[in-house]
Amino acid sequence: MLIKKHIQENNFKPKKDKKMNVKINSVHFDADKKLEEFITKKLNKVIQKYDNIIDVNVVLQLENSQVKENKITEIKVNSKGNDFFVKKQTSSFEASTDEAIDALKRQLNKYKEKLIGR
């Protein structure tokens, strides 16, 4: 399998001045800077609201098929105690990223509510 990796490490400061690593890997294509900045900006807004997040890995994959919806975004969030994973497939990377981040927000909120309930 042909894998092209383009890793962009973005350090931003969420709560408590903790540095966060966001790694973006693209498979079967080279992601442009604009797409990487879009993903980083969206993730930055979400991740800052949650404690105990160690790092975030994003995989952008272009599926070789005749289907129009062949752009896949996978997001894995590593945190203390739990890891979160979402995967969405649509016709554009921006749309699949938006859907994946919405699903990630739901997972993080559900986990945070569970912790508060303890």
Foldseek 3Di string as FASTA:
>chain_A
DAFDFDWDFDWDAAPPRDTETETETEGPDDDDPVLVVLLVVLVVVQVSVDPFWHYKYKYWYADPDPDQFRIKIWMWIDGVPDIDIDMATGNDNNVNSVVRSVVVSVVRVVVVVVVVVD
